[in-house]
Amino acid sequence: MSLHVAIAIVGFRNPDDVLSCLEALAAARHRDFEVVICENGGAAAFAALEARAPTVLPSGQPVQLFDAGANLGYAGGVNACMRRTPDADAWWVLNPDTRPDPVALSALVERLSHGDCEAVGGAIQLPNGLVQAYGGRWQRWLARAVSLGHGDDIAASVDPKKVESRQNFLNGASMLIGRRFLEATGPMREDYFLYCEEVEWCLRGLKRGMRFGFAPQGVVVHEQGTSTGNALNFRGRSRLSVYLGERNRLLLSRDCYPALFPVTILTALGILLVRFGKRRAWRQLAYAIEGWAAGLANSRGAPRWIAG
């Protein structure tokens, strides 16, 4: 039986990324899907995207585009996409700045169809041909995420069972979410706004008995941070990405591991001081401390100072 997949994409004033992603999806071997795109960037951004985006892919799949009406954050946009496609068998949460391999969706669907997992991740590839992540493991004592396989050659062989035994969350750039997962776990938390929401979702799912698969052929190339300013160069990272990254690590620790929260307050502070300080990224260090303090204060949602 073919699974009908709704592909959920959240854009933010990055139509070139979205169109590139759609171009790649048109070549997908698995054909039973639809695409739904939430534009979080306002009416002008929606109009610009609507003027260029197709309503149907060349391979025949419908493309639904809608204006969020406000910046809902990443989780809010994903949830809105899923609400618009209630009859799907599964949802492929896909970053707009990705280019999936033609066999990626087929590989993810095949792994989900085995019936021994409720959500599946694949191989996230950086543009330089190295692995960004196969999956992730959240270190609860440190309030830090570890990307499995990071820096490996994408062409190197990988043991799927080993990845599945180690991962406790899927990389948010590409996650195939089955109906059982959504029904048991509920939607993403929208109060994180951006970053760590997929980690919390997965950890919540694990507590409710959900299992994660890994499909090594589910490869997507990820440009990283084209709409958020999350640059690989520490000194180039934006206030938004640094602030929310540090804030949400503490929120996740508070929400998922409350007994450890007094410890992770200190470990998170120590790690950010070392990470940014040793690179002399002083501006970003200030952003990080600001985010850490917001997490300590249990501040949620979009930062008050965010533009748009």
C-alpha atoms as a PDB file:
ATOM      1  CA  MET A   1       0.000   0.000   0.000  1.00  0.00           C
ATOM      2  CA  SER A   2       1.336   3.441  -0.941  1.00  0.00           C
ATOM      3  CA  LEU A   3       1.415   6.021   1.834  1.00  0.00           C
ATOM      4  CA  HIS A   4      -0.013   9.413   1.003  1.00  0.00           C
ATOM      5  CA  VAL A   5       2.465  11.959   2.336  1.00  0.00           C
ATOM      6  CA  ALA A   6       1.849  15.649   2.998  1.00  0.00           C
ATOM      7  CA  ILE A   7       5.112  17.582   2.722  1.00  0.00           C
ATOM      8  CA  ALA A   8       5.110  20.472   5.214  1.00  0.00           C
ATOM      9  CA  ILE A   9       7.412  23.390   4.374  1.00  0.00           C
ATOM     10  CA  VAL A  10       7.656  26.617   6.386  1.00  0.00           C
ATOM     11  CA  GLY A  11       9.100  29.605   4.559  1.00  0.00           C
ATOM     12  CA  PHE A  12      10.216  33.007   5.759  1.00  0.00           C
ATOM     13  CA  ARG A  13      10.958  35.470   2.969  1.00  0.00           C
ATOM     14  CA  ASN A  14      13.119  32.956   1.116  1.00  0.00           C
ATOM     15  CA  PRO A  15      11.289  32.173  -2.140  1.00  0.00           C
ATOM     16  CA  ASP A  16      14.449  31.040  -3.946  1.00  0.00           C
ATOM     17  CA  ASP A  17      14.967  28.314  -1.346  1.00  0.00           C
ATOM     18  CA  VAL A  18      11.347  27.189  -1.567  1.00  0.00           C
ATOM     19  CA  LEU A  19      11.387  27.050  -5.364  1.00  0.00           C
ATOM     20  CA  SER A  20      14.645  25.092  -5.369  1.00  0.00           C
ATOM     21  CA  CYS A  21      13.146  22.607  -2.905  1.00  0.00           C
ATOM     22  CA  LEU A  22      10.024  22.221  -5.059  1.00  0.00           C
ATOM     23  CA  GLU A  23      12.181  21.624  -8.123  1.00  0.00           C
ATOM     24  CA  ALA A  24      13.929  18.779  -6.310  1.00  0.00           C
ATOM     25  CA  LEU A  25      10.630  17.323  -5.056  1.00  0.00           C
ATOM     26  CA  ALA A  26       9.313  17.136  -8.626  1.00  0.00           C
ATOM     27  CA  ALA A  27      11.909  14.422  -9.268  1.00  0.00           C
ATOM     28  CA  ALA A  28      10.832  12.287  -6.280  1.00  0.00           C
ATOM     29  CA  ARG A  29      10.414   8.587  -7.051  1.00  0.00           C
ATOM     30  CA  HIS A  30       7.594   8.282  -4.513  1.00  0.00           C
ATOM     31  CA  ARG A  31       4.749  10.069  -6.283  1.00  0.00           C
ATOM     32  CA  ASP A  32       1.884   9.863  -3.775  1.00  0.00           C
ATOM     33  CA  PHE A  33       2.327  13.199  -2.042  1.00  0.00           C
ATOM     34  CA  GLU A  34       1.118  16.770  -1.834  1.00  0.00           C
ATOM     35  CA  VAL A  35       2.996  19.883  -0.761  1.00  0.00           C
ATOM     36  CA  VAL A  36       1.716  22.490   1.667  1.00  0.00           C
ATOM     37  CA  ILE A  37       3.748  25.650   2.279  1.00  0.00           C
ATOM     38  CA  CYS A  38       3.234  28.115   5.127  1.00  0.00           C
ATOM     39  CA  GLU A  39       4.719  31.563   4.494  1.00  0.00           C
ATOM     40  CA  ASN A  40       5.590  33.123   7.852  1.00  0.00           C
ATOM     41  CA  GLY A  41       7.058  36.318   6.445  1.00  0.00           C
ATOM     42  CA  GLY A  42       3.959  38.475   5.981  1.00  0.00           C
ATOM     43  CA  ALA A  43       1.640  39.495   3.168  1.00  0.00           C
ATOM     44  CA  ALA A  44       4.350  40.896   0.876  1.00  0.00           C
ATOM     45  CA  ALA A  45       6.451  37.748   1.195  1.00  0.00           C
ATOM     46  CA  PHE A  46       3.404  35.599   0.530  1.00  0.00           C
ATOM     47  CA  ALA A  47       2.532  37.591  -2.586  1.00  0.00           C
ATOM     48  CA  ALA A  48       6.110  37.310  -3.868  1.00  0.00           C
ATOM     49  CA  LEU A  49       6.136  33.553  -3.344  1.00  0.00           C
ATOM     50  CA  GLU A  50       2.639  33.074  -4.736  1.00  0.00           C
ATOM     51  CA  ALA A  51       3.661  34.864  -7.935  1.00  0.00           C
ATOM     52  CA  ARG A  52       6.452  32.374  -8.564  1.00  0.00           C
ATOM     53  CA  ALA A  53       5.401  29.074  -6.987  1.00  0.00           C
ATOM     54  CA  PRO A  54       3.503  26.479  -9.042  1.00  0.00           C
ATOM     55  CA  THR A  55       0.120  25.188  -7.922  1.00  0.00           C
ATOM     56  CA  VAL A  56       0.978  21.776  -9.360  1.00  0.00           C
ATOM     57  CA  LEU A  57       4.422  20.208  -9.771  1.00  0.00           C
ATOM     58  CA  PRO A  58       5.441  19.005 -13.242  1.00  0.00           C
ATOM     59  CA  SER A  59       5.084  15.469 -11.863  1.00  0.00           C
ATOM     60  CA  GLY A  60       1.422  16.146 -10.989  1.00  0.00           C
ATOM     61  CA  GLN A  61       1.384  16.729  -7.230  1.00  0.00           C
ATOM     62  CA  PRO A  62      -0.628  19.690  -5.884  1.00  0.00           C
ATOM     63  CA  VAL A  63       1.102  22.559  -4.118  1.00  0.00           C
ATOM     64  CA  GLN A  64      -0.914  24.492  -1.533  1.00  0.00           C
ATOM     65  CA  LEU A  65       0.454  27.825  -0.379  1.00  0.00           C
ATOM     66  CA  PHE A  66      -0.979  29.920   2.440  1.00  0.00           C
ATOM     67  CA  ASP A  67      -0.156  33.065   4.361  1.00  0.00           C
ATOM     68  CA  ALA A  68       0.265  32.412   8.085  1.00  0.00           C
ATOM     69  CA  GLY A  69      -1.059  35.883   8.849  1.00  0.00           C
ATOM     70  CA  ALA A  70       1.733  36.413  11.373  1.00  0.00           C
ATOM     71  CA  ASN A  71       5.108  34.900  12.149  1.00  0.00           C
ATOM     72  CA  LEU A  72       3.998  31.669  13.818  1.00  0.00           C
ATOM     73  CA  GLY A  73       7.527  30.401  14.333  1.00  0.00           C
ATOM     74  CA  TYR A  74       8.726  27.120  12.857  1.00  0.00           C
ATOM     75  CA  ALA A  75       6.592  24.839  15.023  1.00  0.00           C
ATOM     76  CA  GLY A  76       3.523  26.991  14.492  1.00  0.00           C
ATOM     77  CA  GLY A  77       4.023  26.853  10.743  1.00  0.00           C
ATOM     78  CA  VAL A  78       4.495  23.073  10.754  1.00  0.00           C
ATOM     79  CA  ASN A  79       1.392  22.586  12.885  1.00  0.00           C
ATOM     80  CA  ALA A  80      -0.626  24.807  10.544  1.00  0.00           C
ATOM     81  CA  CYS A  81       0.529  22.721   7.566  1.00  0.00           C
ATOM     82  CA  MET A  82      -0.501  19.506   9.293  1.00  0.00           C
ATOM     83  CA  ARG A  83      -3.919  20.898  10.194  1.00  0.00           C
ATOM     84  CA  ARG A  84      -4.506  21.639   6.503  1.00  0.00           C
ATOM     85  CA  THR A  85      -3.741  18.048   5.514  1.00  0.00           C
ATOM     86  CA  PRO A  86      -5.677  15.946   8.051  1.00  0.00           C
ATOM     87  CA  ASP A  87      -6.139  12.974   5.737  1.00  0.00           C
ATOM     88  CA  ALA A  88      -2.449  12.290   5.110  1.00  0.00           C
ATOM     89  CA  ASP A  89      -0.949   8.979   6.189  1.00  0.00           C
ATOM     90  CA  ALA A  90       2.307  10.707   7.118  1.00  0.00           C
ATOM     91  CA  TRP A  91       3.850  14.178   7.108  1.00  0.00           C
ATOM     92  CA  TRP A  92       7.316  14.967   5.810  1.00  0.00           C
ATOM     93  CA  VAL A  93       8.535  18.007   7.724  1.00  0.00           C
ATOM     94  CA  LEU A  94      11.105  19.508   5.371  1.00  0.00           C
ATOM     95  CA  ASN A  95      13.181  22.666   5.627  1.00  0.00           C
ATOM     96  CA  PRO A  96      12.785  25.022   2.676  1.00  0.00           C
ATOM     97  CA  ASP A  97      16.572  25.286   2.236  1.00  0.00           C
ATOM     98  CA  THR A  98      16.919  21.591   1.378  1.00  0.00           C
ATOM     99  CA  ARG A  99      17.179  19.679  -1.883  1.00  0.00           C
ATOM    100  CA  PRO A 100      15.997  16.092  -1.390  1.00  0.00           C
ATOM    101  CA  ASP A 101      17.523  13.292  -3.435  1.00  0.00           C
ATOM    102  CA  PRO A 102      14.977  11.682  -5.806  1.00  0.00           C
ATOM    103  CA  VAL A 103      14.942   8.480  -3.728  1.00  0.00           C
ATOM    104  CA  ALA A 104      14.819  10.239  -0.341  1.00  0.00           C
ATOM    105  CA  LEU A 105      11.067  10.126   0.184  1.00  0.00           C
ATOM    106  CA  SER A 106      10.851   6.541  -1.094  1.00  0.00           C
ATOM    107  CA  ALA A 107      13.488   5.479   1.436  1.00  0.00           C
ATOM    108  CA  LEU A 108      11.755   7.231   4.327  1.00  0.00           C
ATOM    109  CA  VAL A 109       8.346   5.802   3.397  1.00  0.00           C
ATOM    110  CA  GLU A 110       9.757   2.300   3.031  1.00  0.00           C
ATOM    111  CA  ARG A 111      11.324   2.432   6.511  1.00  0.00           C
ATOM    112  CA  LEU A 112       8.122   3.751   8.072  1.00  0.00           C
ATOM    113  CA  SER A 113       6.127   1.014   6.333  1.00  0.00           C
ATOM    114  CA  HIS A 114       7.998  -1.699   8.226  1.00  0.00           C
ATOM    115  CA  GLY A 115       5.694  -0.962  11.148  1.00  0.00           C
ATOM    116  CA  ASP A 116       8.316  -1.016  13.915  1.00  0.00           C
ATOM    117  CA  CYS A 117       8.701   2.764  14.175  1.00  0.00           C
ATOM    118  CA  GLU A 118       6.443   5.809  14.120  1.00  0.00           C
ATOM    119  CA  ALA A 119       8.792   8.427  12.647  1.00  0.00           C
ATOM    120  CA  VAL A 120      11.837   8.263  10.387  1.00  0.00           C
ATOM    121  CA  GLY A 121      14.875  10.417   9.752  1.00  0.00           C
ATOM    122  CA  GLY A 122      17.428  10.290   6.972  1.00  0.00           C
ATOM    123  CA  ALA A 123      20.893  11.550   6.129  1.00  0.00           C
ATOM    124  CA  ILE A 124      21.268  15.329   6.174  1.00  0.00           C
ATOM    125  CA  GLN A 125      24.081  16.366   3.844  1.00  0.00           C
ATOM    126  CA  LEU A 126      25.951  19.650   3.834  1.00  0.00           C
ATOM    127  CA  PRO A 127      26.696  21.266   0.444  1.00  0.00           C
ATOM    128  CA  ASN A 128      30.369  20.220   0.780  1.00  0.00           C
ATOM    129  CA  GLY A 129      29.439  16.530   0.659  1.00  0.00           C
ATOM    130  CA  LEU A 130      29.878  15.874   4.368  1.00  0.00           C
ATOM    131  CA  VAL A 131      27.217  14.702   6.788  1.00  0.00           C
ATOM    132  CA  GLN A 132      25.465  17.273   8.925  1.00  0.00           C
ATOM    133  CA  ALA A 133      23.588  14.597  10.845  1.00  0.00           C
ATOM    134  CA  TYR A 134      22.145  11.110  10.576  1.00  0.00           C
ATOM    135  CA  GLY A 135      20.083  11.743  13.664  1.00  0.00           C
ATOM    136  CA  GLY A 136      20.664  13.295  17.038  1.00  0.00           C
ATOM    137  CA  ARG A 137      21.209  12.528  20.662  1.00  0.00           C
ATOM    138  CA  TRP A 138      20.218  14.973  23.377  1.00  0.00           C
ATOM    139  CA  GLN A 139      22.657  15.095  26.300  1.00  0.00           C
ATOM    140  CA  ARG A 140      20.322  15.863  29.152  1.00  0.00           C
ATOM    141  CA  TRP A 141      23.013  16.680  31.732  1.00  0.00           C
ATOM    142  CA  LEU A 142      24.614  19.223  29.430  1.00  0.00           C
ATOM    143  CA  ALA A 143      21.440  20.471  27.704  1.00  0.00           C
ATOM    144  CA  ARG A 144      23.203  19.948  24.395  1.00  0.00           C
ATOM    145  CA  ALA A 145      22.441  18.143  21.134  1.00  0.00           C
ATOM    146  CA  VAL A 146      24.960  15.849  19.445  1.00  0.00           C
ATOM    147  CA  SER A 147      24.612  15.277  15.703  1.00  0.00           C
ATOM    148  CA  LEU A 148      25.346  11.637  14.883  1.00  0.00           C
ATOM    149  CA  GLY A 149      27.735  11.188  11.967  1.00  0.00           C
ATOM    150  CA  HIS A 150      28.592  14.874  11.753  1.00  0.00           C
ATOM    151  CA  GLY A 151      31.570  15.446   9.438  1.00  0.00           C
ATOM    152  CA  ASP A 152      31.515  11.968   7.885  1.00  0.00           C
ATOM    153  CA  ASP A 153      31.691  11.488   4.127  1.00  0.00           C
ATOM    154  CA  ILE A 154      28.126  11.131   2.855  1.00  0.00           C
ATOM    155  CA  ALA A 155      29.286   8.280   0.597  1.00  0.00           C
ATOM    156  CA  ALA A 156      30.618   6.239   3.526  1.00  0.00           C
ATOM    157  CA  SER A 157      28.597   3.228   4.648  1.00  0.00           C
ATOM    158  CA  VAL A 158      26.552   3.586   7.813  1.00  0.00           C
ATOM    159  CA  ASP A 159      24.840   0.991   9.988  1.00  0.00           C
ATOM    160  CA  PRO A 160      21.153   1.966  10.294  1.00  0.00           C
ATOM    161  CA  LYS A 161      20.662  -0.147  13.406  1.00  0.00           C
ATOM    162  CA  LYS A 162      23.526   1.607  15.162  1.00  0.00           C
ATOM    163  CA  VAL A 163      22.030   5.000  14.383  1.00  0.00           C
ATOM    164  CA  GLU A 164      18.597   3.864  15.550  1.00  0.00           C
ATOM    165  CA  SER A 165      20.033   2.565  18.816  1.00  0.00           C
ATOM    166  CA  ARG A 166      21.743   5.864  19.578  1.00  0.00           C
ATOM    167  CA  GLN A 167      19.372   8.563  18.358  1.00  0.00           C
ATOM    168  CA  ASN A 168      16.718   9.988  20.625  1.00  0.00           C
ATOM    169  CA  PHE A 169      15.596  12.725  18.248  1.00  0.00           C
ATOM    170  CA  LEU A 170      15.358  13.287  14.503  1.00  0.00           C
ATOM    171  CA  ASN A 171      16.961  16.205  12.696  1.00  0.00           C
ATOM    172  CA  GLY A 172      14.281  18.817  12.068  1.00  0.00           C
ATOM    173  CA  ALA A 173      15.458  19.528   8.511  1.00  0.00           C
ATOM    174  CA  SER A 174      13.869  16.243   7.371  1.00  0.00           C
ATOM    175  CA  MET A 175      11.496  14.130   9.465  1.00  0.00           C
ATOM    176  CA  LEU A 176       8.809  11.739   8.224  1.00  0.00           C
ATOM    177  CA  ILE A 177       6.128  11.685  10.919  1.00  0.00           C
ATOM    178  CA  GLY A 178       3.608   8.850  10.893  1.00  0.00           C
ATOM    179  CA  ARG A 179      -0.001   9.233  11.941  1.00  0.00           C
ATOM    180  CA  ARG A 180       0.506   7.126  15.058  1.00  0.00           C
ATOM    181  CA  PHE A 181       3.241   9.485  16.240  1.00  0.00           C
ATOM    182  CA  LEU A 182       1.073  12.566  15.789  1.00  0.00           C
ATOM    183  CA  GLU A 183      -1.946  10.990  17.466  1.00  0.00           C
ATOM    184  CA  ALA A 184       0.076   9.749  20.460  1.00  0.00           C
ATOM    185  CA  THR A 185       2.363  12.752  20.907  1.00  0.00           C
ATOM    186  CA  GLY A 186       0.319  15.697  19.709  1.00  0.00           C
ATOM    187  CA  PRO A 187       1.667  18.628  17.665  1.00  0.00           C
ATOM    188  CA  MET A 188       4.914  20.535  18.108  1.00  0.00           C
ATOM    189  CA  ARG A 189       5.167  23.003  20.956  1.00  0.00           C
ATOM    190  CA  GLU A 190       4.790  26.486  19.545  1.00  0.00           C
ATOM    191  CA  ASP A 191       6.124  28.355  22.572  1.00  0.00           C
ATOM    192  CA  TYR A 192       9.717  27.514  21.549  1.00  0.00           C
ATOM    193  CA  PHE A 193       9.166  29.589  18.374  1.00  0.00           C
ATOM    194  CA  LEU A 194      12.385  28.388  16.717  1.00  0.00           C
ATOM    195  CA  TYR A 195      15.052  25.781  17.586  1.00  0.00           C
ATOM    196  CA  CYS A 196      14.849  22.690  19.787  1.00  0.00           C
ATOM    197  CA  GLU A 197      11.142  22.201  19.037  1.00  0.00           C
ATOM    198  CA  GLU A 198      11.811  18.991  17.099  1.00  0.00           C
ATOM    199  CA  VAL A 199      14.016  17.696  19.928  1.00  0.00           C
ATOM    200  CA  GLU A 200      11.296  18.291  22.517  1.00  0.00           C
ATOM    201  CA  TRP A 201       8.722  16.697  20.177  1.00  0.00           C
ATOM    202  CA  CYS A 202      10.821  13.575  19.796  1.00  0.00           C
ATOM    203  CA  LEU A 203      11.673  13.291  23.491  1.00  0.00           C
ATOM    204  CA  ARG A 204       7.982  13.671  24.320  1.00  0.00           C
ATOM    205  CA  GLY A 205       7.210  10.970  21.787  1.00  0.00           C
ATOM    206  CA  LEU A 206       9.741   8.583  23.327  1.00  0.00           C
ATOM    207  CA  LYS A 207       8.061   8.985  26.709  1.00  0.00           C
ATOM    208  CA  ARG A 208       4.815   7.900  25.035  1.00  0.00           C
ATOM    209  CA  GLY A 209       6.299   4.773  23.509  1.00  0.00           C
ATOM    210  CA  MET A 210       7.169   6.080  20.053  1.00  0.00           C
ATOM    211  CA  ARG A 211      10.119   4.657  18.119  1.00  0.00           C
ATOM    212  CA  PHE A 212      12.406   6.220  15.515  1.00  0.00           C
ATOM    213  CA  GLY A 213      13.737   4.676  12.336  1.00  0.00           C
ATOM    214  CA  PHE A 214      16.623   5.719  10.126  1.00  0.00           C
ATOM    215  CA  ALA A 215      16.798   5.485   6.339  1.00  0.00           C
ATOM    216  CA  PRO A 216      20.366   6.066   5.074  1.00  0.00           C
ATOM    217  CA  GLN A 217      19.147   6.589   1.500  1.00  0.00           C
ATOM    218  CA  GLY A 218      16.840   9.381   2.659  1.00  0.00           C
ATOM    219  CA  VAL A 219      19.402  12.036   1.728  1.00  0.00           C
ATOM    220  CA  VAL A 220      18.636  15.750   1.626  1.00  0.00           C
ATOM    221  CA  VAL A 221      21.191  18.495   1.011  1.00  0.00           C
ATOM    222  CA  HIS A 222      20.785  21.254   3.588  1.00  0.00           C
ATOM    223  CA  GLU A 223      22.062  24.776   3.037  1.00  0.00           C
ATOM    224  CA  GLN A 224      21.557  25.697   6.742  1.00  0.00           C
ATOM    225  CA  GLY A 225      20.243  28.917   8.150  1.00  0.00           C
ATOM    226  CA  THR A 226      19.363  30.832   4.982  1.00  0.00           C
ATOM    227  CA  SER A 227      16.370  32.510   6.639  1.00  0.00           C
ATOM    228  CA  THR A 228      17.594  32.742  10.253  1.00  0.00           C
ATOM    229  CA  GLY A 229      21.200  33.881   9.960  1.00  0.00           C
ATOM    230  CA  ASN A 230      22.457  30.723  11.675  1.00  0.00           C
ATOM    231  CA  ALA A 231      25.913  30.973  10.106  1.00  0.00           C
ATOM    232  CA  LEU A 232      28.585  28.325  10.580  1.00  0.00           C
ATOM    233  CA  ASN A 233      31.018  31.133  11.434  1.00  0.00           C
ATOM    234  CA  PHE A 234      30.388  31.883  15.097  1.00  0.00           C
ATOM    235  CA  ARG A 235      31.134  35.585  14.630  1.00  0.00           C
ATOM    236  CA  GLY A 236      28.568  35.742  11.828  1.00  0.00           C
ATOM    237  CA  ARG A 237      25.673  34.255  13.750  1.00  0.00           C
ATOM    238  CA  SER A 238      22.627  36.441  14.233  1.00  0.00           C
ATOM    239  CA  ARG A 239      21.186  37.589  17.522  1.00  0.00           C
ATOM    240  CA  LEU A 240      18.024  35.601  16.829  1.00  0.00           C
ATOM    241  CA  SER A 241      19.746  32.267  16.220  1.00  0.00           C
ATOM    242  CA  VAL A 242      22.106  32.567  19.191  1.00  0.00           C
ATOM    243  CA  TYR A 243      19.487  33.881  21.597  1.00  0.00           C
ATOM    244  CA  LEU A 244      16.872  31.254  20.771  1.00  0.00           C
ATOM    245  CA  GLY A 245      19.404  28.445  20.639  1.00  0.00           C
ATOM    246  CA  GLU A 246      20.561  29.109  24.189  1.00  0.00           C
ATOM    247  CA  ARG A 247      17.140  30.017  25.572  1.00  0.00           C
ATOM    248  CA  ASN A 248      15.433  26.940  24.212  1.00  0.00           C
ATOM    249  CA  ARG A 249      18.060  24.552  25.532  1.00  0.00           C
ATOM    250  CA  LEU A 250      17.039  25.620  29.010  1.00  0.00           C
ATOM    251  CA  LEU A 251      13.334  25.499  28.165  1.00  0.00           C
ATOM    252  CA  LEU A 252      13.723  21.943  26.897  1.00  0.00           C
ATOM    253  CA  SER A 253      15.606  20.930  30.037  1.00  0.00           C
ATOM    254  CA  ARG A 254      12.921  22.529  32.201  1.00  0.00           C
ATOM    255  CA  ASP A 255      10.124  20.805  30.252  1.00  0.00           C
ATOM    256  CA  CYS A 256      11.614  17.333  29.763  1.00  0.00           C
ATOM    257  CA  TYR A 257      14.034  16.905  32.683  1.00  0.00           C
ATOM    258  CA  PRO A 258      12.831  19.194  35.484  1.00  0.00           C
ATOM    259  CA  ALA A 259      14.795  17.333  38.163  1.00  0.00           C
ATOM    260  CA  LEU A 260      18.031  18.130  36.317  1.00  0.00           C
ATOM    261  CA  PHE A 261      17.193  21.759  35.654  1.00  0.00           C
ATOM    262  CA  PRO A 262      19.270  23.206  38.543  1.00  0.00           C
ATOM    263  CA  VAL A 263      22.300  21.369  37.153  1.00  0.00           C
ATOM    264  CA  THR A 264      21.757  22.258  33.497  1.00  0.00           C
ATOM    265  CA  ILE A 265      21.407  25.941  34.366  1.00  0.00           C
ATOM    266  CA  LEU A 266      25.079  25.881  35.329  1.00  0.00           C
ATOM    267  CA  THR A 267      26.369  23.486  32.673  1.00  0.00           C
ATOM    268  CA  ALA A 268      24.629  25.423  29.886  1.00  0.00           C
ATOM    269  CA  LEU A 269      26.168  28.680  31.105  1.00  0.00           C
ATOM    270  CA  GLY A 270      29.636  27.148  31.342  1.00  0.00           C
ATOM    271  CA  ILE A 271      29.439  25.645  27.852  1.00  0.00           C
ATOM    272  CA  LEU A 272      28.276  28.847  26.169  1.00  0.00           C
ATOM    273  CA  LEU A 273      31.046  30.842  27.873  1.00  0.00           C
ATOM    274  CA  VAL A 274      33.630  28.412  26.507  1.00  0.00           C
ATOM    275  CA  ARG A 275      32.093  28.024  23.027  1.00  0.00           C
ATOM    276  CA  PHE A 276      31.817  31.703  22.247  1.00  0.00           C
ATOM    277  CA  GLY A 277      34.650  32.968  24.411  1.00  0.00           C
ATOM    278  CA  LYS A 278      37.381  30.813  22.910  1.00  0.00           C
ATOM    279  CA  ARG A 279      36.380  32.051  19.444  1.00  0.00           C
ATOM    280  CA  ARG A 280      36.400  35.666  20.652  1.00  0.00           C
ATOM    281  CA  ALA A 281      32.840  36.015  19.371  1.00  0.00           C
ATOM    282  CA  TRP A 282      32.055  38.663  21.952  1.00  0.00           C
ATOM    283  CA  ARG A 283      28.889  39.993  20.369  1.00  0.00           C
ATOM    284  CA  GLN A 284      27.509  36.481  20.027  1.00  0.00           C
ATOM    285  CA  LEU A 285      28.529  35.723  23.609  1.00  0.00           C
ATOM    286  CA  ALA A 286      26.353  38.628  24.735  1.00  0.00           C
ATOM    287  CA  TYR A 287      23.457  37.242  22.686  1.00  0.00           C
ATOM    288  CA  ALA A 288      24.021  33.808  24.228  1.00  0.00           C
ATOM    289  CA  ILE A 289      23.988  35.113  27.798  1.00  0.00           C
ATOM    290  CA  GLU A 290      20.845  37.079  26.974  1.00  0.00           C
ATOM    291  CA  GLY A 291      19.191  33.880  25.717  1.00  0.00           C
ATOM    292  CA  TRP A 292      20.398  31.864  28.706  1.00  0.00           C
ATOM    293  CA  ALA A 293      18.900  34.452  31.064  1.00  0.00           C
ATOM    294  CA  ALA A 294      15.614  34.308  29.149  1.00  0.00           C
ATOM    295  CA  GLY A 295      15.551  30.523  29.503  1.00  0.00           C
ATOM    296  CA  LEU A 296      16.248  30.839  33.210  1.00  0.00           C
ATOM    297  CA  ALA A 297      13.296  33.250  33.456  1.00  0.00           C
ATOM    298  CA  ASN A 298      11.084  30.800  31.487  1.00  0.00           C
ATOM    299  CA  SER A 299      10.505  33.365  28.732  1.00  0.00           C
ATOM    300  CA  ARG A 300       8.720  31.781  25.759  1.00  0.00           C
ATOM    301  CA  GLY A 301       7.419  32.601  22.320  1.00  0.00           C
ATOM    302  CA  ALA A 302       8.871  35.160  19.925  1.00  0.00           C
ATOM    303  CA  PRO A 303      11.378  37.583  21.474  1.00  0.00           C
ATOM    304  CA  ARG A 304       9.867  41.002  22.060  1.00  0.00           C
ATOM    305  CA  TRP A 305      12.558  42.642  19.958  1.00  0.00           C
ATOM    306  CA  ILE A 306      12.100  40.487  16.867  1.00  0.00           C
ATOM    307  CA  ALA A 307      11.273  42.407  13.702  1.00  0.00           C
ATOM    308  CA  GLY A 308       8.303  41.097  11.729  1.00  0.00           C
END
